[in-house]
Amino acid sequence: KLFVSHKTQLCARCRDGDTWIDGWHEVWVRPLL
């Protein structure tokens, strides 16, 4: 629920391509790795 909601919020703010993805990876992928 958290990472899906976070992706939606970031995408709504960053309308130019995939600029949101680095911030999302920092929050969700980095702790996972």
PDB file of all heavy atoms in Angstrom:
ATOM      1  N   LYS A   1       0.839  -1.208   0.000  1.00  0.00           N
ATOM      2  CA  LYS A   1       0.000   0.000   0.000  1.00  0.00           C
ATOM      3  C   LYS A   1       0.871   1.254   0.000  1.00  0.00           C
ATOM      4  O   LYS A   1       0.579   2.237  -0.698  1.00  0.00           O
ATOM      5  CB  LYS A   1      -0.923   0.002   1.218  1.00  0.00           C
ATOM      6  CG  LYS A   1      -2.149  -0.889   1.104  1.00  0.00           C
ATOM      7  CD  LYS A   1      -3.076  -0.674   2.285  1.00  0.00           C
ATOM      8  CE  LYS A   1      -4.433  -1.354   2.068  1.00  0.00           C
ATOM      9  NZ  LYS A   1      -4.359  -2.802   2.041  1.00  0.00           N
ATOM     10  N   LEU A   2       1.942   1.218   0.779  1.00  0.00           N
ATOM     11  CA  LEU A   2       2.823   2.376   0.886  1.00  0.00           C
ATOM     12  C   LEU A   2       3.555   2.660  -0.422  1.00  0.00           C
ATOM     13  O   LEU A   2       3.532   3.790  -0.922  1.00  0.00           O
ATOM     14  CB  LEU A   2       3.829   2.164   2.023  1.00  0.00           C
ATOM     15  CG  LEU A   2       3.299   2.323   3.449  1.00  0.00           C
ATOM     16  CD1 LEU A   2       4.249   1.690   4.450  1.00  0.00           C
ATOM     17  CD2 LEU A   2       3.087   3.805   3.779  1.00  0.00           C
ATOM     18  N   PHE A   3       4.206   1.644  -1.005  1.00  0.00           N
ATOM     19  CA  PHE A   3       5.009   1.959  -2.195  1.00  0.00           C
ATOM     20  C   PHE A   3       4.147   2.227  -3.424  1.00  0.00           C
ATOM     21  O   PHE A   3       4.532   2.995  -4.301  1.00  0.00           O
ATOM     22  CB  PHE A   3       6.115   0.931  -2.455  1.00  0.00           C
ATOM     23  CG  PHE A   3       5.705  -0.477  -2.795  1.00  0.00           C
ATOM     24  CD1 PHE A   3       5.023  -0.778  -3.954  1.00  0.00           C
ATOM     25  CD2 PHE A   3       6.068  -1.532  -1.958  1.00  0.00           C
ATOM     26  CE1 PHE A   3       4.685  -2.080  -4.285  1.00  0.00           C
ATOM     27  CE2 PHE A   3       5.746  -2.847  -2.272  1.00  0.00           C
ATOM     28  CZ  PHE A   3       5.048  -3.115  -3.441  1.00  0.00           C
ATOM     29  N   VAL A   4       2.956   1.649  -3.512  1.00  0.00           N
ATOM     30  CA  VAL A   4       2.041   1.973  -4.614  1.00  0.00           C
ATOM     31  C   VAL A   4       1.540   3.410  -4.477  1.00  0.00           C
ATOM     32  O   VAL A   4       1.525   4.180  -5.445  1.00  0.00           O
ATOM     33  CB  VAL A   4       0.867   0.983  -4.661  1.00  0.00           C
ATOM     34  CG1 VAL A   4      -0.216   1.466  -5.621  1.00  0.00           C
ATOM     35  CG2 VAL A   4       1.343  -0.409  -5.077  1.00  0.00           C
ATOM     36  N   SER A   5       1.144   3.786  -3.259  1.00  0.00           N
ATOM     37  CA  SER A   5       0.690   5.161  -3.019  1.00  0.00           C
ATOM     38  C   SER A   5       1.808   6.164  -3.264  1.00  0.00           C
ATOM     39  O   SER A   5       1.595   7.229  -3.870  1.00  0.00           O
ATOM     40  CB  SER A   5       0.174   5.285  -1.577  1.00  0.00           C
ATOM     41  OG  SER A   5      -0.094   6.635  -1.243  1.00  0.00           O
ATOM     42  N   HIS A   6       3.022   5.821  -2.811  1.00  0.00           N
ATOM     43  CA  HIS A   6       4.164   6.722  -2.985  1.00  0.00           C
ATOM     44  C   HIS A   6       4.462   6.925  -4.475  1.00  0.00           C
ATOM     45  O   HIS A   6       4.731   8.061  -4.919  1.00  0.00           O
ATOM     46  CB  HIS A   6       5.384   6.152  -2.272  1.00  0.00           C
ATOM     47  CG  HIS A   6       6.496   7.129  -2.110  1.00  0.00           C
ATOM     48  ND1 HIS A   6       7.817   6.749  -2.013  1.00  0.00           N
ATOM     49  CD2 HIS A   6       6.502   8.491  -2.047  1.00  0.00           C
ATOM     50  CE1 HIS A   6       8.577   7.829  -1.885  1.00  0.00           C
ATOM     51  NE2 HIS A   6       7.803   8.893  -1.915  1.00  0.00           N
ATOM     52  N   LYS A   7       4.412   5.867  -5.252  1.00  0.00           N
ATOM     53  CA  LYS A   7       4.637   5.978  -6.701  1.00  0.00           C
ATOM     54  C   LYS A   7       3.593   6.899  -7.326  1.00  0.00           C
ATOM     55  O   LYS A   7       3.921   7.763  -8.155  1.00  0.00           O
ATOM     56  CB  LYS A   7       4.581   4.598  -7.353  1.00  0.00           C
ATOM     57  CG  LYS A   7       4.757   4.643  -8.862  1.00  0.00           C
ATOM     58  CD  LYS A   7       4.646   3.257  -9.484  1.00  0.00           C
ATOM     59  CE  LYS A   7       4.730   3.347 -11.012  1.00  0.00           C
ATOM     60  NZ  LYS A   7       4.600   2.013 -11.651  1.00  0.00           N
ATOM     61  N   THR A   8       2.340   6.741  -6.940  1.00  0.00           N
ATOM     62  CA  THR A   8       1.265   7.579  -7.483  1.00  0.00           C
ATOM     63  C   THR A   8       1.495   9.044  -7.153  1.00  0.00           C
ATOM     64  O   THR A   8       1.335   9.925  -8.012  1.00  0.00           O
ATOM     65  CB  THR A   8      -0.098   7.124  -6.920  1.00  0.00           C
ATOM     66  OG1 THR A   8      -0.315   5.744  -7.257  1.00  0.00           O
ATOM     67  CG2 THR A   8      -1.234   7.967  -7.487  1.00  0.00           C
ATOM     68  N   GLN A   9       1.892   9.323  -5.905  1.00  0.00           N
ATOM     69  CA  GLN A   9       2.136  10.704  -5.499  1.00  0.00           C
ATOM     70  C   GLN A   9       3.319  11.310  -6.245  1.00  0.00           C
ATOM     71  O   GLN A   9       3.268  12.462  -6.685  1.00  0.00           O
ATOM     72  CB  GLN A   9       2.362  10.774  -3.988  1.00  0.00           C
ATOM     73  CG  GLN A   9       1.097  10.501  -3.172  1.00  0.00           C
ATOM     74  CD  GLN A   9       1.362  10.556  -1.676  1.00  0.00           C
ATOM     75  OE1 GLN A   9       2.161   9.783  -1.146  1.00  0.00           O
ATOM     76  NE2 GLN A   9       0.692  11.472  -1.000  1.00  0.00           N
ATOM     77  N   LEU A  10       4.404  10.539  -6.388  1.00  0.00           N
ATOM     78  CA  LEU A  10       5.582  11.045  -7.092  1.00  0.00           C
ATOM     79  C   LEU A  10       5.289  11.277  -8.574  1.00  0.00           C
ATOM     80  O   LEU A  10       5.705  12.289  -9.145  1.00  0.00           O
ATOM     81  CB  LEU A  10       6.752  10.072  -6.937  1.00  0.00           C
ATOM     82  CG  LEU A  10       7.375   9.965  -5.539  1.00  0.00           C
ATOM     83  CD1 LEU A  10       8.400   8.834  -5.501  1.00  0.00           C
ATOM     84  CD2 LEU A  10       8.026  11.276  -5.124  1.00  0.00           C
ATOM     85  N   CYS A  11       4.569  10.351  -9.196  1.00  0.00           N
ATOM     86  CA  CYS A  11       4.229  10.501 -10.613  1.00  0.00           C
ATOM     87  C   CYS A  11       3.348  11.723 -10.854  1.00  0.00           C
ATOM     88  O   CYS A  11       3.472  12.398 -11.875  1.00  0.00           O
ATOM     89  CB  CYS A  11       3.521   9.245 -11.125  1.00  0.00           C
ATOM     90  SG  CYS A  11       4.581   7.800 -11.321  1.00  0.00           S
ATOM     91  N   ALA A  12       2.451  11.999  -9.910  1.00  0.00           N
ATOM     92  CA  ALA A  12       1.562  13.158 -10.063  1.00  0.00           C
ATOM     93  C   ALA A  12       2.346  14.464 -10.016  1.00  0.00           C
ATOM     94  O   ALA A  12       1.955  15.452 -10.656  1.00  0.00           O
ATOM     95  CB  ALA A  12       0.505  13.142  -8.961  1.00  0.00           C
ATOM     96  N   ARG A  13       3.458  14.461  -9.264  1.00  0.00           N
ATOM     97  CA  ARG A  13       4.272  15.676  -9.148  1.00  0.00           C
ATOM     98  C   ARG A  13       5.287  15.805 -10.274  1.00  0.00           C
ATOM     99  O   ARG A  13       5.569  16.898 -10.741  1.00  0.00           O
ATOM    100  CB  ARG A  13       5.011  15.699  -7.812  1.00  0.00           C
ATOM    101  CG  ARG A  13       4.286  16.452  -6.733  1.00  0.00           C
ATOM    102  CD  ARG A  13       5.245  16.937  -5.662  1.00  0.00           C
ATOM    103  NE  ARG A  13       6.213  15.961  -5.253  1.00  0.00           N
ATOM    104  CZ  ARG A  13       5.989  15.026  -4.323  1.00  0.00           C
ATOM    105  NH1 ARG A  13       4.804  14.956  -3.746  1.00  0.00           N
ATOM    106  NH2 ARG A  13       6.929  14.175  -3.983  1.00  0.00           N
ATOM    107  N   CYS A  14       5.848  14.677 -10.692  1.00  0.00           N
ATOM    108  CA  CYS A  14       6.911  14.689 -11.709  1.00  0.00           C
ATOM    109  C   CYS A  14       6.313  14.238 -13.036  1.00  0.00           C
ATOM    110  O   CYS A  14       6.330  13.044 -13.363  1.00  0.00           O
ATOM    111  CB  CYS A  14       8.057  13.767 -11.306  1.00  0.00           C
ATOM    112  SG  CYS A  14       8.736  14.107  -9.670  1.00  0.00           S
ATOM    113  N   ARG A  15       5.820  15.176 -13.795  1.00  0.00           N
ATOM    114  CA  ARG A  15       5.113  14.847 -15.032  1.00  0.00           C
ATOM    115  C   ARG A  15       6.050  14.649 -16.219  1.00  0.00           C
ATOM    116  O   ARG A  15       5.624  14.258 -17.291  1.00  0.00           O
ATOM    117  CB  ARG A  15       4.085  15.936 -15.352  1.00  0.00           C
ATOM    118  CG  ARG A  15       3.037  16.102 -14.260  1.00  0.00           C
ATOM    119  CD  ARG A  15       1.937  17.045 -14.672  1.00  0.00           C
ATOM    120  NE  ARG A  15       0.941  17.190 -13.607  1.00  0.00           N
ATOM    121  CZ  ARG A  15      -0.067  16.359 -13.409  1.00  0.00           C
ATOM    122  NH1 ARG A  15      -0.209  15.319 -14.188  1.00  0.00           N
ATOM    123  NH2 ARG A  15      -0.927  16.559 -12.427  1.00  0.00           N
ATOM    124  N   ASP A  16       7.334  14.951 -16.044  1.00  0.00           N
ATOM    125  CA  ASP A  16       8.266  14.839 -17.158  1.00  0.00           C
ATOM    126  C   ASP A  16       9.032  13.514 -17.093  1.00  0.00           C
ATOM    127  O   ASP A  16      10.107  13.402 -16.524  1.00  0.00           O
ATOM    128  CB  ASP A  16       9.241  16.017 -17.176  1.00  0.00           C
ATOM    129  CG  ASP A  16       9.884  16.257 -15.821  1.00  0.00           C
ATOM    130  OD1 ASP A  16       9.317  15.769 -14.822  1.00  0.00           O
ATOM    131  OD2 ASP A  16      10.948  16.900 -15.762  1.00  0.00           O
ATOM    132  N   GLY A  17       8.434  12.486 -17.671  1.00  0.00           N
ATOM    133  CA  GLY A  17       9.101  11.191 -17.799  1.00  0.00           C
ATOM    134  C   GLY A  17       9.275  10.444 -16.489  1.00  0.00           C
ATOM    135  O   GLY A  17       8.374  10.394 -15.643  1.00  0.00           O
ATOM    136  N   ASP A  18      10.490   9.864 -16.318  1.00  0.00           N
ATOM    137  CA  ASP A  18      10.770   8.991 -15.184  1.00  0.00           C
ATOM    138  C   ASP A  18      11.613   9.685 -14.112  1.00  0.00           C
ATOM    139  O   ASP A  18      12.398   9.019 -13.412  1.00  0.00           O
ATOM    140  CB  ASP A  18      11.496   7.729 -15.661  1.00  0.00           C
ATOM    141  CG  ASP A  18      10.595   6.831 -16.508  1.00  0.00           C
ATOM    142  OD1 ASP A  18       9.363   6.916 -16.324  1.00  0.00           O
ATOM    143  OD2 ASP A  18      11.119   6.076 -17.334  1.00  0.00           O
ATOM    144  N   THR A  19      11.467  10.980 -13.963  1.00  0.00           N
ATOM    145  CA  THR A  19      12.283  11.689 -12.970  1.00  0.00           C
ATOM    146  C   THR A  19      11.922  11.289 -11.543  1.00  0.00           C
ATOM    147  O   THR A  19      12.708  11.523 -10.622  1.00  0.00           O
ATOM    148  CB  THR A  19      12.116  13.214 -13.122  1.00  0.00           C
ATOM    149  OG1 THR A  19      10.719  13.538 -13.054  1.00  0.00           O
ATOM    150  CG2 THR A  19      12.675  13.689 -14.459  1.00  0.00           C
ATOM    151  N   TRP A  20      10.761  10.681 -11.375  1.00  0.00           N
ATOM    152  CA  TRP A  20      10.310  10.284 -10.041  1.00  0.00           C
ATOM    153  C   TRP A  20      11.026   9.029  -9.540  1.00  0.00           C
ATOM    154  O   TRP A  20      11.095   8.777  -8.334  1.00  0.00           O
ATOM    155  CB  TRP A  20       8.804   9.991 -10.061  1.00  0.00           C
ATOM    156  CG  TRP A  20       8.431   8.874 -10.996  1.00  0.00           C
ATOM    157  CD1 TRP A  20       8.136   8.980 -12.312  1.00  0.00           C
ATOM    158  CD2 TRP A  20       8.369   7.475 -10.688  1.00  0.00           C
ATOM    159  NE1 TRP A  20       7.880   7.741 -12.860  1.00  0.00           N
ATOM    160  CE2 TRP A  20       8.010   6.801 -11.878  1.00  0.00           C
ATOM    161  CE3 TRP A  20       8.562   6.743  -9.525  1.00  0.00           C
ATOM    162  CZ2 TRP A  20       7.848   5.425 -11.936  1.00  0.00           C
ATOM    163  CZ3 TRP A  20       8.402   5.360  -9.572  1.00  0.00           C
ATOM    164  CH2 TRP A  20       8.044   4.722 -10.769  1.00  0.00           C
ATOM    165  N   ILE A  21      11.571   8.245 -10.477  1.00  0.00           N
ATOM    166  CA  ILE A  21      11.947   6.872 -10.131  1.00  0.00           C
ATOM    167  C   ILE A  21      13.143   6.802  -9.181  1.00  0.00           C
ATOM    168  O   ILE A  21      13.231   5.902  -8.338  1.00  0.00           O
ATOM    169  CB  ILE A  21      12.208   6.046 -11.407  1.00  0.00           C
ATOM    170  CG1 ILE A  21      12.082   4.552 -11.111  1.00  0.00           C
ATOM    171  CG2 ILE A  21      13.562   6.370 -12.027  1.00  0.00           C
ATOM    172  CD1 ILE A  21      11.970   3.695 -12.351  1.00  0.00           C
ATOM    173  N   ASP A  22      14.074   7.757  -9.281  1.00  0.00           N
ATOM    174  CA  ASP A  22      15.245   7.723  -8.400  1.00  0.00           C
ATOM    175  C   ASP A  22      14.843   7.895  -6.938  1.00  0.00           C
ATOM    176  O   ASP A  22      15.360   7.198  -6.053  1.00  0.00           O
ATOM    177  CB  ASP A  22      16.236   8.815  -8.803  1.00  0.00           C
ATOM    178  CG  ASP A  22      16.926   8.514 -10.131  1.00  0.00           C
ATOM    179  OD1 ASP A  22      16.956   7.327 -10.511  1.00  0.00           O
ATOM    180  OD2 ASP A  22      17.403   9.461 -10.773  1.00  0.00           O
ATOM    181  N   GLY A  23      13.936   8.824  -6.694  1.00  0.00           N
ATOM    182  CA  GLY A  23      13.452   9.022  -5.325  1.00  0.00           C
ATOM    183  C   GLY A  23      12.712   7.809  -4.796  1.00  0.00           C
ATOM    184  O   GLY A  23      12.843   7.446  -3.621  1.00  0.00           O
ATOM    185  N   TRP A  24      11.952   7.153  -5.666  1.00  0.00           N
ATOM    186  CA  TRP A  24      11.203   5.950  -5.268  1.00  0.00           C
ATOM    187  C   TRP A  24      12.158   4.804  -4.961  1.00  0.00           C
ATOM    188  O   TRP A  24      11.990   4.086  -3.978  1.00  0.00           O
ATOM    189  CB  TRP A  24      10.240   5.575  -6.391  1.00  0.00           C
ATOM    190  CG  TRP A  24       9.212   4.557  -6.026  1.00  0.00           C
ATOM    191  CD1 TRP A  24       8.065   4.758  -5.316  1.00  0.00           C
ATOM    192  CD2 TRP A  24       9.237   3.161  -6.361  1.00  0.00           C
ATOM    193  NE1 TRP A  24       7.361   3.573  -5.194  1.00  0.00           N
ATOM    194  CE2 TRP A  24       8.055   2.586  -5.826  1.00  0.00           C
ATOM    195  CE3 TRP A  24      10.129   2.362  -7.066  1.00  0.00           C
ATOM    196  CZ2 TRP A  24       7.764   1.233  -5.983  1.00  0.00           C
ATOM    197  CZ3 TRP A  24       9.833   1.022  -7.214  1.00  0.00           C
ATOM    198  CH2 TRP A  24       8.661   0.463  -6.680  1.00  0.00           C
ATOM    199  N   HIS A  25      13.184   4.643  -5.804  1.00  0.00           N
ATOM    200  CA  HIS A  25      14.178   3.597  -5.553  1.00  0.00           C
ATOM    201  C   HIS A  25      14.928   3.842  -4.240  1.00  0.00           C
ATOM    202  O   HIS A  25      15.237   2.902  -3.502  1.00  0.00           O
ATOM    203  CB  HIS A  25      15.190   3.542  -6.706  1.00  0.00           C
ATOM    204  CG  HIS A  25      14.664   2.844  -7.914  1.00  0.00           C
ATOM    205  ND1 HIS A  25      15.171   3.055  -9.178  1.00  0.00           N
ATOM    206  CD2 HIS A  25      13.673   1.931  -8.066  1.00  0.00           C
ATOM    207  CE1 HIS A  25      14.514   2.285 -10.047  1.00  0.00           C
ATOM    208  NE2 HIS A  25      13.600   1.604  -9.399  1.00  0.00           N
ATOM    209  N   GLU A  26      15.214   5.097  -3.953  1.00  0.00           N
ATOM    210  CA  GLU A  26      15.932   5.429  -2.721  1.00  0.00           C
ATOM    211  C   GLU A  26      15.140   4.999  -1.493  1.00  0.00           C
ATOM    212  O   GLU A  26      15.713   4.500  -0.509  1.00  0.00           O
ATOM    213  CB  GLU A  26      16.205   6.938  -2.669  1.00  0.00           C
ATOM    214  CG  GLU A  26      16.943   7.415  -1.445  1.00  0.00           C
ATOM    215  CD  GLU A  26      18.390   6.936  -1.396  1.00  0.00           C
ATOM    216  OE1 GLU A  26      18.936   6.560  -2.452  1.00  0.00           O
ATOM    217  OE2 GLU A  26      18.963   6.939  -0.289  1.00  0.00           O
ATOM    218  N   VAL A  27      13.831   5.167  -1.545  1.00  0.00           N
ATOM    219  CA  VAL A  27      12.984   4.858  -0.388  1.00  0.00           C
ATOM    220  C   VAL A  27      12.690   3.367  -0.278  1.00  0.00           C
ATOM    221  O   VAL A  27      12.679   2.814   0.832  1.00  0.00           O
ATOM    222  CB  VAL A  27      11.652   5.656  -0.467  1.00  0.00           C
ATOM    223  CG1 VAL A  27      10.703   5.241   0.656  1.00  0.00           C
ATOM    224  CG2 VAL A  27      11.933   7.149  -0.387  1.00  0.00           C
ATOM    225  N   TRP A  28      12.468   2.672  -1.414  1.00  0.00           N
ATOM    226  CA  TRP A  28      11.958   1.296  -1.363  1.00  0.00           C
ATOM    227  C   TRP A  28      12.976   0.242  -1.796  1.00  0.00           C
ATOM    228  O   TRP A  28      13.010  -0.844  -1.220  1.00  0.00           O
ATOM    229  CB  TRP A  28      10.692   1.187  -2.231  1.00  0.00           C
ATOM    230  CG  TRP A  28       9.644   2.136  -1.761  1.00  0.00           C
ATOM    231  CD1 TRP A  28       9.247   3.291  -2.373  1.00  0.00           C
ATOM    232  CD2 TRP A  28       8.900   2.062  -0.547  1.00  0.00           C
ATOM    233  NE1 TRP A  28       8.300   3.928  -1.616  1.00  0.00           N
ATOM    234  CE2 TRP A  28       8.066   3.195  -0.487  1.00  0.00           C
ATOM    235  CE3 TRP A  28       8.857   1.141   0.495  1.00  0.00           C
ATOM    236  CZ2 TRP A  28       7.203   3.437   0.580  1.00  0.00           C
ATOM    237  CZ3 TRP A  28       8.002   1.378   1.563  1.00  0.00           C
ATOM    238  CH2 TRP A  28       7.183   2.503   1.590  1.00  0.00           C
ATOM    239  N   VAL A  29      13.792   0.522  -2.802  1.00  0.00           N
ATOM    240  CA  VAL A  29      14.712  -0.506  -3.305  1.00  0.00           C
ATOM    241  C   VAL A  29      16.000  -0.538  -2.496  1.00  0.00           C
ATOM    242  O   VAL A  29      16.525  -1.617  -2.198  1.00  0.00           O
ATOM    243  CB  VAL A  29      15.006  -0.273  -4.802  1.00  0.00           C
ATOM    244  CG1 VAL A  29      16.035  -1.283  -5.307  1.00  0.00           C
ATOM    245  CG2 VAL A  29      13.724  -0.394  -5.615  1.00  0.00           C
ATOM    246  N   ARG A  30      16.513   0.615  -2.132  1.00  0.00           N
ATOM    247  CA  ARG A  30      17.763   0.635  -1.377  1.00  0.00           C
ATOM    248  C   ARG A  30      17.662  -0.144  -0.062  1.00  0.00           C
ATOM    249  O   ARG A  30      18.537  -0.980   0.239  1.00  0.00           O
ATOM    250  CB  ARG A  30      18.190   2.075  -1.116  1.00  0.00           C
ATOM    251  CG  ARG A  30      19.537   2.188  -0.422  1.00  0.00           C
ATOM    252  CD  ARG A  30      19.888   3.634  -0.165  1.00  0.00           C
ATOM    253  NE  ARG A  30      21.148   3.757   0.563  1.00  0.00           N
ATOM    254  CZ  ARG A  30      21.627   4.894   1.043  1.00  0.00           C
ATOM    255  NH1 ARG A  30      20.950   6.008   0.869  1.00  0.00           N
ATOM    256  NH2 ARG A  30      22.761   4.919   1.691  1.00  0.00           N
ATOM    257  N   PRO A  31      16.627   0.057   0.783  1.00  0.00           N
ATOM    258  CA  PRO A  31      16.518  -0.752   2.011  1.00  0.00           C
ATOM    259  C   PRO A  31      16.368  -2.245   1.717  1.00  0.00           C
ATOM    260  O   PRO A  31      16.878  -3.076   2.470  1.00  0.00           O
ATOM    261  CB  PRO A  31      15.262  -0.196   2.692  1.00  0.00           C
ATOM    262  CG  PRO A  31      15.069   1.168   2.115  1.00  0.00           C
ATOM    263  CD  PRO A  31      15.563   1.084   0.717  1.00  0.00           C
ATOM    264  N   LEU A  32      15.674  -2.569   0.613  1.00  0.00           N
ATOM    265  CA  LEU A  32      15.500  -3.975   0.241  1.00  0.00           C
ATOM    266  C   LEU A  32      16.842  -4.625  -0.062  1.00  0.00           C
ATOM    267  O   LEU A  32      17.153  -5.710   0.451  1.00  0.00           O
ATOM    268  CB  LEU A  32      14.570  -4.075  -0.966  1.00  0.00           C
ATOM    269  CG  LEU A  32      14.479  -5.447  -1.641  1.00  0.00           C
ATOM    270  CD1 LEU A  32      13.870  -6.474  -0.691  1.00  0.00           C
ATOM    271  CD2 LEU A  32      13.681  -5.365  -2.932  1.00  0.00           C
ATOM    272  N   LEU A  33      17.660  -3.968  -0.883  1.00  0.00           N
ATOM    273  CA  LEU A  33      18.970  -4.519  -1.230  1.00  0.00           C
ATOM    274  C   LEU A  33      19.864  -4.628  -0.004  1.00  0.00           C
ATOM    275  O   LEU A  33      20.629  -5.596   0.136  1.00  0.00           O
ATOM    276  CB  LEU A  33      19.637  -3.655  -2.298  1.00  0.00           C
ATOM    277  CG  LEU A  33      18.965  -3.628  -3.670  1.00  0.00           C
ATOM    278  CD1 LEU A  33      19.708  -2.698  -4.612  1.00  0.00           C
ATOM    279  CD2 LEU A  33      18.875  -5.030  -4.257  1.00  0.00           C
TER     280      LEU A  33
END
